[in-house]
Amino acid sequence: MDKNDSTAEFDERKRQRIRLARLEADMAYFQARIELIGEANTNNRVAQRKAFNFLHKTVASKILKLKRRYSDLG
Protein backbone atom coordinates (compact mmCIF):
# COMPACT_ATOMS: atom_id res chain seq x y z
CA MET A 1 0.00 0.00 0.00
CA ASP A 2 1.49 3.34 -0.95
CA LYS A 3 1.24 6.60 0.95
CA ASN A 4 -1.66 7.92 -1.17
CA ASP A 5 -3.75 4.83 -0.42
CA SER A 6 -2.98 5.14 3.27
CA THR A 7 -3.88 8.83 3.30
CA ALA A 8 -7.08 8.19 1.37
CA GLU A 9 -8.09 5.43 3.78
CA PHE A 10 -7.34 7.67 6.77
CA ASP A 11 -9.42 10.48 5.26
CA GLU A 12 -12.31 8.10 4.55
CA ARG A 13 -12.29 6.78 8.12
CA LYS A 14 -12.21 10.34 9.42
CA ARG A 15 -15.26 11.23 7.29
CA GLN A 16 -17.09 8.14 8.52
CA ARG A 17 -16.33 8.95 12.18
CA ILE A 18 -17.77 12.43 11.63
CA ARG A 19 -20.79 10.94 9.86
CA LEU A 20 -21.32 8.53 12.76
CA ALA A 21 -21.13 11.36 15.29
CA ARG A 22 -23.69 13.38 13.31
CA LEU A 23 -26.05 10.42 13.07
CA GLU A 24 -25.76 9.75 16.79
CA ALA A 25 -26.51 13.41 17.49
CA ASP A 26 -29.56 13.20 15.21
CA MET A 27 -30.71 10.10 17.06
CA ALA A 28 -30.39 11.84 20.43
CA TYR A 29 -32.39 14.78 19.06
CA PHE A 30 -35.18 12.50 17.83
CA GLN A 31 -35.28 10.68 21.18
CA ALA A 32 -35.55 14.01 23.00
CA ARG A 33 -38.33 15.19 20.71
CA ILE A 34 -40.27 11.97 21.28
CA GLU A 35 -39.96 12.49 25.03
CA LEU A 36 -40.96 16.16 24.81
CA ILE A 37 -44.05 15.35 22.76
CA GLY A 38 -45.31 13.36 25.72
CA GLU A 39 -48.75 11.85 25.61
CA ALA A 40 -50.07 11.61 22.07
CA ASN A 41 -53.47 13.08 22.95
CA THR A 42 -53.96 15.23 19.84
CA ASN A 43 -53.75 14.47 16.14
CA ASN A 44 -50.75 16.77 15.84
CA ARG A 45 -48.86 14.97 18.60
CA VAL A 46 -49.73 11.58 17.12
CA ALA A 47 -48.35 12.72 13.77
CA GLN A 48 -45.21 14.16 15.38
CA ARG A 49 -44.63 10.99 17.37
CA LYS A 50 -44.99 8.84 14.24
CA ALA A 51 -42.63 11.06 12.27
CA PHE A 52 -39.93 11.15 14.96
CA ASN A 53 -40.22 7.42 15.62
CA PHE A 54 -39.75 6.79 11.90
CA LEU A 55 -36.75 9.13 11.75
CA HIS A 56 -35.28 7.53 14.87
CA LYS A 57 -35.56 4.02 13.37
CA THR A 58 -34.14 5.16 10.05
CA VAL A 59 -31.12 6.82 11.67
CA ALA A 60 -30.58 3.80 13.93
CA SER A 61 -30.50 1.59 10.84
CA LYS A 62 -27.94 3.86 9.18
CA ILE A 63 -25.77 3.78 12.31
CA LEU A 64 -25.83 -0.03 12.36
CA LYS A 65 -24.87 -0.22 8.69
CA LEU A 66 -22.04 2.25 9.19
CA LYS A 67 -20.73 0.38 12.24
CA ARG A 68 -20.86 -2.93 10.37
CA ARG A 69 -18.96 -1.49 7.42
CA TYR A 70 -16.37 0.22 9.61
CA SER A 71 -16.25 -2.05 12.63
CA ASP A 72 -13.43 -0.03 14.24
CA LEU A 73 -15.78 2.98 14.57
CA GLY A 74 -18.21 1.27 16.92
PDB file of N, CA and C in Angstrom:
ATOM      1  N   MET A   1       0.850  -1.173   0.000  1.00  0.00           N
ATOM      2  CA  MET A   1       0.000   0.000   0.000  1.00  0.00           C
ATOM      3  C   MET A   1       0.897   1.238   0.000  1.00  0.00           C
ATOM      4  N   ASP A   2       0.666   2.137  -0.922  1.00  0.00           N
ATOM      5  CA  ASP A   2       1.494   3.342  -0.948  1.00  0.00           C
ATOM      6  C   ASP A   2       0.909   4.429  -0.062  1.00  0.00           C
ATOM      7  N   LYS A   3       1.629   5.517   0.034  1.00  0.00           N
ATOM      8  CA  LYS A   3       1.244   6.604   0.950  1.00  0.00           C
ATOM      9  C   LYS A   3      -0.111   7.218   0.579  1.00  0.00           C
ATOM     10  N   ASN A   4      -0.381   7.340  -0.727  1.00  0.00           N
ATOM     11  CA  ASN A   4      -1.656   7.920  -1.168  1.00  0.00           C
ATOM     12  C   ASN A   4      -2.840   7.056  -0.740  1.00  0.00           C
ATOM     13  N   ASP A   5      -2.672   5.729  -0.858  1.00  0.00           N
ATOM     14  CA  ASP A   5      -3.747   4.826  -0.422  1.00  0.00           C
ATOM     15  C   ASP A   5      -3.977   4.950   1.073  1.00  0.00           C
ATOM     16  N   SER A   6      -2.883   5.019   1.824  1.00  0.00           N
ATOM     17  CA  SER A   6      -2.983   5.141   3.273  1.00  0.00           C
ATOM     18  C   SER A   6      -3.654   6.450   3.673  1.00  0.00           C
ATOM     19  N   THR A   7      -3.290   7.524   3.014  1.00  0.00           N
ATOM     20  CA  THR A   7      -3.882   8.827   3.299  1.00  0.00           C
ATOM     21  C   THR A   7      -5.362   8.841   2.931  1.00  0.00           C
ATOM     22  N   ALA A   8      -5.681   8.250   1.803  1.00  0.00           N
ATOM     23  CA  ALA A   8      -7.079   8.195   1.366  1.00  0.00           C
ATOM     24  C   ALA A   8      -7.917   7.377   2.349  1.00  0.00           C
ATOM     25  N   GLU A   9      -7.362   6.260   2.815  1.00  0.00           N
ATOM     26  CA  GLU A   9      -8.087   5.427   3.783  1.00  0.00           C
ATOM     27  C   GLU A   9      -8.275   6.174   5.104  1.00  0.00           C
ATOM     28  N   PHE A  10      -7.243   6.875   5.543  1.00  0.00           N
ATOM     29  CA  PHE A  10      -7.340   7.666   6.767  1.00  0.00           C
ATOM     30  C   PHE A  10      -8.415   8.738   6.630  1.00  0.00           C
ATOM     31  N   ASP A  11      -8.423   9.436   5.504  1.00  0.00           N
ATOM     32  CA  ASP A  11      -9.422  10.480   5.257  1.00  0.00           C
ATOM     33  C   ASP A  11     -10.838   9.908   5.237  1.00  0.00           C
ATOM     34  N   GLU A  12     -10.991   8.739   4.616  1.00  0.00           N
ATOM     35  CA  GLU A  12     -12.309   8.102   4.551  1.00  0.00           C
ATOM     36  C   GLU A  12     -12.785   7.718   5.951  1.00  0.00           C
ATOM     37  N   ARG A  13     -11.926   7.151   6.751  1.00  0.00           N
ATOM     38  CA  ARG A  13     -12.290   6.778   8.123  1.00  0.00           C
ATOM     39  C   ARG A  13     -12.644   8.023   8.940  1.00  0.00           C
ATOM     40  N   LYS A  14     -11.923   9.088   8.725  1.00  0.00           N
ATOM     41  CA  LYS A  14     -12.214  10.339   9.425  1.00  0.00           C
ATOM     42  C   LYS A  14     -13.612  10.842   9.046  1.00  0.00           C
ATOM     43  N   ARG A  15     -13.925  10.808   7.750  1.00  0.00           N
ATOM     44  CA  ARG A  15     -15.262  11.229   7.291  1.00  0.00           C
ATOM     45  C   ARG A  15     -16.350  10.351   7.900  1.00  0.00           C
ATOM     46  N   GLN A  16     -16.092   9.052   7.969  1.00  0.00           N
ATOM     47  CA  GLN A  16     -17.092   8.142   8.518  1.00  0.00           C
ATOM     48  C   GLN A  16     -17.267   8.343  10.021  1.00  0.00           C
ATOM     49  N   ARG A  17     -16.199   8.660  10.740  1.00  0.00           N
ATOM     50  CA  ARG A  17     -16.331   8.953  12.177  1.00  0.00           C
ATOM     51  C   ARG A  17     -17.186  10.201  12.383  1.00  0.00           C
ATOM     52  N   ILE A  18     -16.967  11.204  11.541  1.00  0.00           N
ATOM     53  CA  ILE A  18     -17.766  12.431  11.625  1.00  0.00           C
ATOM     54  C   ILE A  18     -19.222  12.125  11.281  1.00  0.00           C
ATOM     55  N   ARG A  19     -19.428  11.321  10.261  1.00  0.00           N
ATOM     56  CA  ARG A  19     -20.791  10.941   9.865  1.00  0.00           C
ATOM     57  C   ARG A  19     -21.487  10.197  11.008  1.00  0.00           C
ATOM     58  N   LEU A  20     -20.755   9.280  11.638  1.00  0.00           N
ATOM     59  CA  LEU A  20     -21.320   8.530  12.756  1.00  0.00           C
ATOM     60  C   LEU A  20     -21.703   9.470  13.902  1.00  0.00           C
ATOM     61  N   ALA A  21     -20.842  10.409  14.212  1.00  0.00           N
ATOM     62  CA  ALA A  21     -21.129  11.363  15.291  1.00  0.00           C
ATOM     63  C   ALA A  21     -22.370  12.190  14.961  1.00  0.00           C
ATOM     64  N   ARG A  22     -22.503  12.604  13.716  1.00  0.00           N
ATOM     65  CA  ARG A  22     -23.687  13.376  13.312  1.00  0.00           C
ATOM     66  C   ARG A  22     -24.957  12.541  13.427  1.00  0.00           C
ATOM     67  N   LEU A  23     -24.882  11.292  12.978  1.00  0.00           N
ATOM     68  CA  LEU A  23     -26.048  10.415  13.067  1.00  0.00           C
ATOM     69  C   LEU A  23     -26.443  10.161  14.516  1.00  0.00           C
ATOM     70  N   GLU A  24     -25.456   9.961  15.372  1.00  0.00           N
ATOM     71  CA  GLU A  24     -25.757   9.748  16.786  1.00  0.00           C
ATOM     72  C   GLU A  24     -26.370  10.996  17.416  1.00  0.00           C
ATOM     73  N   ALA A  25     -25.917  12.165  16.999  1.00  0.00           N
ATOM     74  CA  ALA A  25     -26.513  13.413  17.488  1.00  0.00           C
ATOM     75  C   ALA A  25     -27.955  13.536  16.999  1.00  0.00           C
ATOM     76  N   ASP A  26     -28.194  13.181  15.744  1.00  0.00           N
ATOM     77  CA  ASP A  26     -29.562  13.195  15.212  1.00  0.00           C
ATOM     78  C   ASP A  26     -30.457  12.256  16.015  1.00  0.00           C
ATOM     79  N   MET A  27     -29.932  11.080  16.319  1.00  0.00           N
ATOM     80  CA  MET A  27     -30.714  10.099  17.058  1.00  0.00           C
ATOM     81  C   MET A  27     -31.064  10.624  18.449  1.00  0.00           C
ATOM     82  N   ALA A  28     -30.122  11.256  19.103  1.00  0.00           N
ATOM     83  CA  ALA A  28     -30.387  11.837  20.427  1.00  0.00           C
ATOM     84  C   ALA A  28     -31.454  12.931  20.324  1.00  0.00           C
ATOM     85  N   TYR A  29     -31.387  13.725  19.268  1.00  0.00           N
ATOM     86  CA  TYR A  29     -32.385  14.779  19.060  1.00  0.00           C
ATOM     87  C   TYR A  29     -33.779  14.170  18.891  1.00  0.00           C
ATOM     88  N   PHE A  30     -33.881  13.127  18.059  1.00  0.00           N
ATOM     89  CA  PHE A  30     -35.177  12.503  17.835  1.00  0.00           C
ATOM     90  C   PHE A  30     -35.712  11.876  19.115  1.00  0.00           C
ATOM     91  N   GLN A  31     -34.849  11.251  19.903  1.00  0.00           N
ATOM     92  CA  GLN A  31     -35.281  10.681  21.178  1.00  0.00           C
ATOM     93  C   GLN A  31     -35.811  11.778  22.102  1.00  0.00           C
ATOM     94  N   ALA A  32     -35.108  12.888  22.150  1.00  0.00           N
ATOM     95  CA  ALA A  32     -35.546  14.008  22.999  1.00  0.00           C
ATOM     96  C   ALA A  32     -36.890  14.549  22.532  1.00  0.00           C
ATOM     97  N   ARG A  33     -37.050  14.688  21.230  1.00  0.00           N
ATOM     98  CA  ARG A  33     -38.328  15.192  20.705  1.00  0.00           C
ATOM     99  C   ARG A  33     -39.476  14.253  21.043  1.00  0.00           C
ATOM    100  N   ILE A  34     -39.233  12.950  20.937  1.00  0.00           N
ATOM    101  CA  ILE A  34     -40.270  11.971  21.279  1.00  0.00           C
ATOM    102  C   ILE A  34     -40.659  12.130  22.746  1.00  0.00           C
ATOM    103  N   GLU A  35     -39.677  12.303  23.610  1.00  0.00           N
ATOM    104  CA  GLU A  35     -39.956  12.488  25.035  1.00  0.00           C
ATOM    105  C   GLU A  35     -40.703  13.797  25.290  1.00  0.00           C
ATOM    106  N   LEU A  36     -40.317  14.859  24.602  1.00  0.00           N
ATOM    107  CA  LEU A  36     -40.960  16.158  24.808  1.00  0.00           C
ATOM    108  C   LEU A  36     -42.400  16.193  24.298  1.00  0.00           C
ATOM    109  N   ILE A  37     -42.680  15.403  23.289  1.00  0.00           N
ATOM    110  CA  ILE A  37     -44.048  15.351  22.762  1.00  0.00           C
ATOM    111  C   ILE A  37     -44.992  14.833  23.839  1.00  0.00           C
ATOM    112  N   GLY A  38     -44.500  13.896  24.623  1.00  0.00           N
ATOM    113  CA  GLY A  38     -45.307  13.363  25.724  1.00  0.00           C
ATOM    114  C   GLY A  38     -46.456  12.517  25.229  1.00  0.00           C
ATOM    115  N   GLU A  39     -47.559  12.628  25.940  1.00  0.00           N
ATOM    116  CA  GLU A  39     -48.754  11.847  25.614  1.00  0.00           C
ATOM    117  C   GLU A  39     -49.299  12.295  24.259  1.00  0.00           C
ATOM    118  N   ALA A  40     -49.545  11.323  23.406  1.00  0.00           N
ATOM    119  CA  ALA A  40     -50.071  11.614  22.071  1.00  0.00           C
ATOM    120  C   ALA A  40     -51.588  11.759  22.151  1.00  0.00           C
ATOM    121  N   ASN A  41     -52.040  12.892  22.725  1.00  0.00           N
ATOM    122  CA  ASN A  41     -53.473  13.080  22.947  1.00  0.00           C
ATOM    123  C   ASN A  41     -54.129  14.012  21.923  1.00  0.00           C
ATOM    124  N   THR A  42     -53.372  14.451  20.940  1.00  0.00           N
ATOM    125  CA  THR A  42     -53.955  15.229  19.840  1.00  0.00           C
ATOM    126  C   THR A  42     -53.462  14.640  18.522  1.00  0.00           C
ATOM    127  N   ASN A  43     -54.169  14.964  17.453  1.00  0.00           N
ATOM    128  CA  ASN A  43     -53.752  14.466  16.141  1.00  0.00           C
ATOM    129  C   ASN A  43     -52.352  14.967  15.773  1.00  0.00           C
ATOM    130  N   ASN A  44     -52.064  16.208  16.144  1.00  0.00           N
ATOM    131  CA  ASN A  44     -50.749  16.765  15.839  1.00  0.00           C
ATOM    132  C   ASN A  44     -49.650  15.993  16.569  1.00  0.00           C
ATOM    133  N   ARG A  45     -49.864  15.713  17.831  1.00  0.00           N
ATOM    134  CA  ARG A  45     -48.861  14.965  18.603  1.00  0.00           C
ATOM    135  C   ARG A  45     -48.701  13.536  18.096  1.00  0.00           C
ATOM    136  N   VAL A  46     -49.800  12.935  17.691  1.00  0.00           N
ATOM    137  CA  VAL A  46     -49.733  11.581  17.124  1.00  0.00           C
ATOM    138  C   VAL A  46     -48.874  11.612  15.858  1.00  0.00           C
ATOM    139  N   ALA A  47     -49.115  12.595  15.010  1.00  0.00           N
ATOM    140  CA  ALA A  47     -48.347  12.716  13.767  1.00  0.00           C
ATOM    141  C   ALA A  47     -46.871  12.986  14.058  1.00  0.00           C
ATOM    142  N   GLN A  48     -46.595  13.874  15.015  1.00  0.00           N
ATOM    143  CA  GLN A  48     -45.209  14.161  15.375  1.00  0.00           C
ATOM    144  C   GLN A  48     -44.520  12.918  15.922  1.00  0.00           C
ATOM    145  N   ARG A  49     -45.203  12.196  16.782  1.00  0.00           N
ATOM    146  CA  ARG A  49     -44.629  10.992  17.371  1.00  0.00           C
ATOM    147  C   ARG A  49     -44.300   9.967  16.287  1.00  0.00           C
ATOM    148  N   LYS A  50     -45.224   9.776  15.350  1.00  0.00           N
ATOM    149  CA  LYS A  50     -44.994   8.839  14.241  1.00  0.00           C
ATOM    150  C   LYS A  50     -43.786   9.272  13.418  1.00  0.00           C
ATOM    151  N   ALA A  51     -43.725  10.556  13.091  1.00  0.00           N
ATOM    152  CA  ALA A  51     -42.625  11.060  12.272  1.00  0.00           C
ATOM    153  C   ALA A  51     -41.284  10.882  12.974  1.00  0.00           C
ATOM    154  N   PHE A  52     -41.195  11.262  14.248  1.00  0.00           N
ATOM    155  CA  PHE A  52     -39.932  11.154  14.960  1.00  0.00           C
ATOM    156  C   PHE A  52     -39.555   9.705  15.250  1.00  0.00           C
ATOM    157  N   ASN A  53     -40.531   8.848  15.474  1.00  0.00           N
ATOM    158  CA  ASN A  53     -40.221   7.418  15.618  1.00  0.00           C
ATOM    159  C   ASN A  53     -39.657   6.851  14.323  1.00  0.00           C
ATOM    160  N   PHE A  54     -40.250   7.241  13.203  1.00  0.00           N
ATOM    161  CA  PHE A  54     -39.750   6.790  11.901  1.00  0.00           C
ATOM    162  C   PHE A  54     -38.324   7.286  11.671  1.00  0.00           C
ATOM    163  N   LEU A  55     -38.092   8.569  11.927  1.00  0.00           N
ATOM    164  CA  LEU A  55     -36.750   9.130  11.747  1.00  0.00           C
ATOM    165  C   LEU A  55     -35.744   8.451  12.670  1.00  0.00           C
ATOM    166  N   HIS A  56     -36.154   8.193  13.903  1.00  0.00           N
ATOM    167  CA  HIS A  56     -35.284   7.531  14.870  1.00  0.00           C
ATOM    168  C   HIS A  56     -34.886   6.144  14.362  1.00  0.00           C
ATOM    169  N   LYS A  57     -35.846   5.372  13.882  1.00  0.00           N
ATOM    170  CA  LYS A  57     -35.563   4.025  13.370  1.00  0.00           C
ATOM    171  C   LYS A  57     -34.675   4.075  12.130  1.00  0.00           C
ATOM    172  N   THR A  58     -34.929   5.035  11.261  1.00  0.00           N
ATOM    173  CA  THR A  58     -34.138   5.162  10.047  1.00  0.00           C
ATOM    174  C   THR A  58     -32.685   5.495  10.377  1.00  0.00           C
ATOM    175  N   VAL A  59     -32.477   6.434  11.278  1.00  0.00           N
ATOM    176  CA  VAL A  59     -31.122   6.820  11.667  1.00  0.00           C
ATOM    177  C   VAL A  59     -30.434   5.663  12.389  1.00  0.00           C
ATOM    178  N   ALA A  60     -31.158   4.950  13.237  1.00  0.00           N
ATOM    179  CA  ALA A  60     -30.577   3.799  13.933  1.00  0.00           C
ATOM    180  C   ALA A  60     -30.107   2.747  12.930  1.00  0.00           C
ATOM    181  N   SER A  61     -30.884   2.539  11.892  1.00  0.00           N
ATOM    182  CA  SER A  61     -30.505   1.593  10.844  1.00  0.00           C
ATOM    183  C   SER A  61     -29.229   2.048  10.131  1.00  0.00           C
ATOM    184  N   LYS A  62     -29.138   3.334   9.827  1.00  0.00           N
ATOM    185  CA  LYS A  62     -27.937   3.863   9.175  1.00  0.00           C
ATOM    186  C   LYS A  62     -26.714   3.707  10.067  1.00  0.00           C
ATOM    187  N   ILE A  63     -26.878   3.935  11.358  1.00  0.00           N
ATOM    188  CA  ILE A  63     -25.771   3.784  12.306  1.00  0.00           C
ATOM    189  C   ILE A  63     -25.289   2.338  12.315  1.00  0.00           C
ATOM    190  N   LEU A  64     -26.214   1.389  12.366  1.00  0.00           N
ATOM    191  CA  LEU A  64     -25.832  -0.026  12.364  1.00  0.00           C
ATOM    192  C   LEU A  64     -25.070  -0.396  11.097  1.00  0.00           C
ATOM    193  N   LYS A  65     -25.552   0.067   9.952  1.00  0.00           N
ATOM    194  CA  LYS A  65     -24.870  -0.224   8.692  1.00  0.00           C
ATOM    195  C   LYS A  65     -23.467   0.367   8.677  1.00  0.00           C
ATOM    196  N   LEU A  66     -23.338   1.580   9.160  1.00  0.00           N
ATOM    197  CA  LEU A  66     -22.042   2.247   9.192  1.00  0.00           C
ATOM    198  C   LEU A  66     -21.080   1.520  10.128  1.00  0.00           C
ATOM    199  N   LYS A  67     -21.581   1.103  11.288  1.00  0.00           N
ATOM    200  CA  LYS A  67     -20.733   0.381  12.240  1.00  0.00           C
ATOM    201  C   LYS A  67     -20.330  -0.993  11.722  1.00  0.00           C
ATOM    202  N   ARG A  68     -21.213  -1.630  10.968  1.00  0.00           N
ATOM    203  CA  ARG A  68     -20.859  -2.932  10.368  1.00  0.00           C
ATOM    204  C   ARG A  68     -19.775  -2.761   9.315  1.00  0.00           C
ATOM    205  N   ARG A  69     -19.917  -1.728   8.506  1.00  0.00           N
ATOM    206  CA  ARG A  69     -18.956  -1.495   7.423  1.00  0.00           C
ATOM    207  C   ARG A  69     -17.598  -1.080   7.967  1.00  0.00           C
ATOM    208  N   TYR A  70     -17.609  -0.256   8.989  1.00  0.00           N
ATOM    209  CA  TYR A  70     -16.374   0.224   9.605  1.00  0.00           C
ATOM    210  C   TYR A  70     -16.389  -0.216  11.066  1.00  0.00           C
ATOM    211  N   SER A  71     -16.107  -1.472  11.294  1.00  0.00           N
ATOM    212  CA  SER A  71     -16.245  -2.053  12.633  1.00  0.00           C
ATOM    213  C   SER A  71     -15.372  -1.354  13.676  1.00  0.00           C
ATOM    214  N   ASP A  72     -14.294  -0.715  13.264  1.00  0.00           N
ATOM    215  CA  ASP A  72     -13.431  -0.027  14.236  1.00  0.00           C
ATOM    216  C   ASP A  72     -14.038   1.277  14.726  1.00  0.00           C
ATOM    217  N   LEU A  73     -15.136   1.734  14.122  1.00  0.00           N
ATOM    218  CA  LEU A  73     -15.780   2.976  14.565  1.00  0.00           C
ATOM    219  C   LEU A  73     -16.663   2.740  15.778  1.00  0.00           C
ATOM    220  N   GLY A  74     -17.227   1.547  15.883  1.00  0.00           N
ATOM    221  CA  GLY A  74     -18.207   1.272  16.921  1.00  0.00           C
ATOM    222  C   GLY A  74     -17.602   0.959  18.225  1.00  0.00           C
TER     223      GLY A  74
END
